[in-house]
Amino acid sequence: MGEGTQSARPEVLAARAEVAAARERLDEELLRLEASARAAIDVKAKVKRSPVKAAGAVAGAGFIVAGGPRRILRGARNAVFGKPEPLPKSMLPKEIDRALGALGDDGERVRGVIEREFATYLKERAPELRSRSLTGTAAKLLFAVGRPVAVRYGVKLANDVLGTDRAQFADQLAKASARK
């Protein structure tokens, strides 16, 4: 019983047939994967098939890149709560030095004056600070509600833009099979 008889054994023949079948299935899957990838990135075909969707996707992407959502939220916030006060001009370092120098040379006394003035400032501004926190809370609530909606429609848009239709997939599969 030499080597020739072992190759004729039914187990070996069955194993070889399974390997050949597995290779054939792998080749078919690779063709399908190639066709699917080509169909997904075939922008020309997508634009020809539905130019309105393509224009909408480009316009939507431009809107997002240009900061449109932020501008709309800012406009809505200004419409509801009024336009925020412009930031005050900050004190220049020379003015700060002059103001601190006017308080004297005693560091502890200067610190005490600054702390008292700051505490008075906070008491006077407490109502305004509370109203600002209401604005922040409203913005956070709007963001919490709006973000999932935007993500949902963004995913839908991405699927529409990058998804493949059956005809385009079949066309790409036929091209890939022809190259094989």
Protein backbone atom coordinates (compact mmCIF):
# COMPACT_ATOMS: atom_id res chain seq x y z
CA MET A 1 0.00 0.00 0.00
CA GLY A 2 1.89 3.02 -1.23
CA GLU A 3 1.10 6.67 -1.41
CA GLY A 4 -1.11 6.29 -4.47
CA THR A 5 -3.72 4.32 -2.57
CA GLN A 6 -4.05 6.97 0.12
CA SER A 7 -4.96 9.68 -2.39
CA ALA A 8 -7.82 7.53 -3.69
CA ARG A 9 -9.38 7.17 -0.22
CA PRO A 10 -12.92 8.60 0.03
CA GLU A 11 -12.07 10.83 3.06
CA VAL A 12 -9.26 12.56 1.16
CA LEU A 13 -11.42 13.03 -1.91
CA ALA A 14 -14.26 14.46 0.22
CA ALA A 15 -11.86 16.84 1.97
CA ARG A 16 -10.49 18.07 -1.35
CA ALA A 17 -14.03 18.57 -2.65
CA GLU A 18 -14.92 20.60 0.47
CA VAL A 19 -11.81 22.77 0.03
CA ALA A 20 -12.65 23.34 -3.63
CA ALA A 21 -16.25 24.26 -2.73
CA ALA A 22 -15.04 26.61 0.00
CA ARG A 23 -12.68 28.31 -2.47
CA GLU A 24 -15.54 28.71 -4.93
CA ARG A 25 -17.77 30.28 -2.24
CA LEU A 26 -14.93 32.60 -1.22
CA ASP A 27 -14.42 33.68 -4.84
CA GLU A 28 -18.16 34.40 -5.14
CA GLU A 29 -18.17 36.40 -1.88
CA LEU A 30 -15.13 38.39 -3.01
CA LEU A 31 -16.90 39.22 -6.28
CA ARG A 32 -20.01 40.31 -4.38
CA LEU A 33 -17.92 42.39 -1.98
CA GLU A 34 -16.07 44.07 -4.84
CA ALA A 35 -19.33 44.78 -6.66
CA SER A 36 -20.92 46.17 -3.51
CA ALA A 37 -17.94 48.43 -2.79
CA ARG A 38 -17.82 49.70 -6.36
CA ALA A 39 -21.56 50.34 -6.38
CA ALA A 40 -21.31 52.20 -3.05
CA ILE A 41 -18.63 54.59 -4.28
CA ASP A 42 -19.92 55.07 -7.82
CA VAL A 43 -20.84 58.73 -7.35
CA LYS A 44 -21.54 59.38 -11.03
CA ALA A 45 -24.20 56.68 -11.11
CA LYS A 46 -25.76 57.97 -7.89
CA VAL A 47 -25.94 61.51 -9.29
CA LYS A 48 -27.42 60.28 -12.59
CA ARG A 49 -29.96 58.11 -10.77
CA SER A 50 -31.18 60.87 -8.43
CA PRO A 51 -29.69 64.31 -9.00
CA VAL A 52 -32.04 65.99 -6.51
CA LYS A 53 -30.85 63.71 -3.67
CA ALA A 54 -27.23 64.33 -4.61
CA ALA A 55 -27.75 68.10 -4.68
CA GLY A 56 -29.53 67.88 -1.33
CA ALA A 57 -26.69 65.87 0.18
CA VAL A 58 -24.11 68.39 -1.06
CA ALA A 59 -26.20 71.31 0.19
CA GLY A 60 -26.70 69.63 3.57
CA ALA A 61 -23.00 68.91 3.94
CA GLY A 62 -22.20 72.51 3.01
CA PHE A 63 -24.75 73.76 5.54
CA ILE A 64 -23.16 71.71 8.30
CA VAL A 65 -19.59 72.61 7.33
CA ALA A 66 -20.47 76.33 7.18
CA GLY A 67 -21.78 76.17 10.76
CA GLY A 68 -25.43 76.53 9.82
CA PRO A 69 -26.86 74.57 12.77
CA ARG A 70 -24.90 76.70 15.22
CA ARG A 71 -26.13 79.88 13.55
CA ILE A 72 -29.74 78.69 13.61
CA LEU A 73 -29.52 77.75 17.29
CA ARG A 74 -27.91 81.11 18.11
CA GLY A 75 -30.66 82.93 16.19
CA ALA A 76 -33.36 80.93 17.98
CA ARG A 77 -31.76 81.63 21.35
CA ASN A 78 -31.57 85.35 20.53
CA ALA A 79 -35.21 85.36 19.42
CA VAL A 80 -36.39 83.70 22.63
CA PHE A 81 -34.09 85.26 25.22
CA GLY A 82 -32.95 88.41 23.43
CA LYS A 83 -29.56 89.23 22.08
CA PRO A 84 -26.86 88.80 24.73
CA GLU A 85 -25.00 91.85 25.97
CA PRO A 86 -21.65 92.29 24.29
CA LEU A 87 -18.68 91.34 26.41
CA PRO A 88 -17.21 94.30 28.28
CA LYS A 89 -13.82 95.55 27.26
CA SER A 90 -11.34 93.96 29.57
CA MET A 91 -9.07 96.08 31.70
CA LEU A 92 -5.62 96.52 30.36
CA PRO A 93 -2.69 95.49 32.55
CA LYS A 94 -1.72 99.16 33.14
CA GLU A 95 -5.20 99.92 34.47
CA ILE A 96 -5.11 96.88 36.75
CA ASP A 97 -1.74 97.92 38.15
CA ARG A 98 -3.01 101.46 38.69
CA ALA A 99 -6.18 100.21 40.46
CA LEU A 100 -4.23 97.84 42.71
CA GLY A 101 -1.62 100.53 43.45
CA ALA A 102 -4.40 102.85 44.56
CA LEU A 103 -5.43 100.28 47.18
CA GLY A 104 -2.07 100.55 48.95
CA ASP A 105 1.02 98.48 49.67
CA ASP A 106 -0.46 96.16 52.30
CA GLY A 107 -1.12 92.83 50.50
CA GLU A 108 -3.58 91.52 53.09
CA ARG A 109 -5.59 94.74 53.05
CA VAL A 110 -5.67 94.72 49.22
CA ARG A 111 -6.77 91.09 49.22
CA GLY A 112 -9.55 91.86 51.73
CA VAL A 113 -10.81 94.77 49.65
CA ILE A 114 -10.84 92.67 46.48
CA GLU A 115 -12.69 89.80 48.21
CA ARG A 116 -15.32 92.14 49.70
CA GLU A 117 -15.84 93.93 46.39
CA PHE A 118 -16.15 90.62 44.59
CA ALA A 119 -18.69 89.31 47.14
CA THR A 120 -20.74 92.51 46.70
CA TYR A 121 -20.52 92.16 42.95
CA LEU A 122 -21.80 88.56 43.13
CA LYS A 123 -24.74 89.55 45.34
CA GLU A 124 -25.73 92.33 42.97
CA ARG A 125 -25.45 90.10 39.91
CA ALA A 126 -27.08 86.95 41.39
CA PRO A 127 -30.47 87.42 39.66
CA GLU A 128 -28.81 87.97 36.28
CA LEU A 129 -26.54 84.96 36.79
CA ARG A 130 -29.54 82.79 37.64
CA SER A 131 -31.36 83.92 34.49
CA ARG A 132 -28.28 83.08 32.42
CA SER A 133 -28.25 79.60 33.87
CA LEU A 134 -31.84 79.25 32.65
CA THR A 135 -30.62 80.12 29.17
CA GLY A 136 -27.88 77.50 29.46
CA THR A 137 -30.37 74.92 30.65
CA ALA A 138 -32.70 75.66 27.75
CA ALA A 139 -29.81 75.36 25.29
CA LYS A 140 -28.73 72.04 26.82
CA LEU A 141 -32.29 70.74 26.61
CA LEU A 142 -32.58 71.81 22.98
CA PHE A 143 -29.24 70.15 22.23
CA ALA A 144 -30.27 66.96 24.03
CA VAL A 145 -33.44 66.73 21.97
CA GLY A 146 -32.04 67.99 18.70
CA ARG A 147 -28.86 65.93 18.59
CA PRO A 148 -30.51 62.48 18.35
CA VAL A 149 -32.84 63.77 15.64
CA ALA A 150 -29.91 65.22 13.69
CA VAL A 151 -27.90 62.02 14.11
CA ARG A 152 -30.84 59.91 12.94
CA TYR A 153 -31.36 61.94 9.80
CA GLY A 154 -27.61 62.14 9.23
CA VAL A 155 -27.35 58.35 9.28
CA LYS A 156 -30.35 58.10 6.94
CA LEU A 157 -28.73 60.60 4.58
CA ALA A 158 -25.43 58.70 4.67
CA ASN A 159 -27.22 55.44 3.93
CA ASP A 160 -29.06 57.07 1.02
CA VAL A 161 -25.86 58.55 -0.38
CA LEU A 162 -23.57 55.58 0.20
CA GLY A 163 -26.12 52.79 -0.09
CA THR A 164 -26.38 50.68 -3.20
CA ASP A 165 -29.44 49.85 -5.18
CA ARG A 166 -29.98 46.40 -6.66
CA ALA A 167 -29.57 47.43 -10.30
CA GLN A 168 -26.27 49.20 -9.66
CA PHE A 169 -25.05 46.25 -7.58
CA ALA A 170 -26.01 43.77 -10.31
CA ASP A 171 -24.21 45.90 -12.90
CA GLN A 172 -21.02 46.04 -10.80
CA LEU A 173 -21.26 42.30 -10.08
CA ALA A 174 -21.48 41.56 -13.79
CA LYS A 175 -18.44 43.77 -14.47
CA ALA A 176 -16.43 42.09 -11.68
CA SER A 177 -17.41 38.63 -12.93
CA ALA A 178 -16.38 39.59 -16.46
CA ARG A 179 -12.93 40.65 -15.21
CA LYS A 180 -12.54 37.29 -13.47
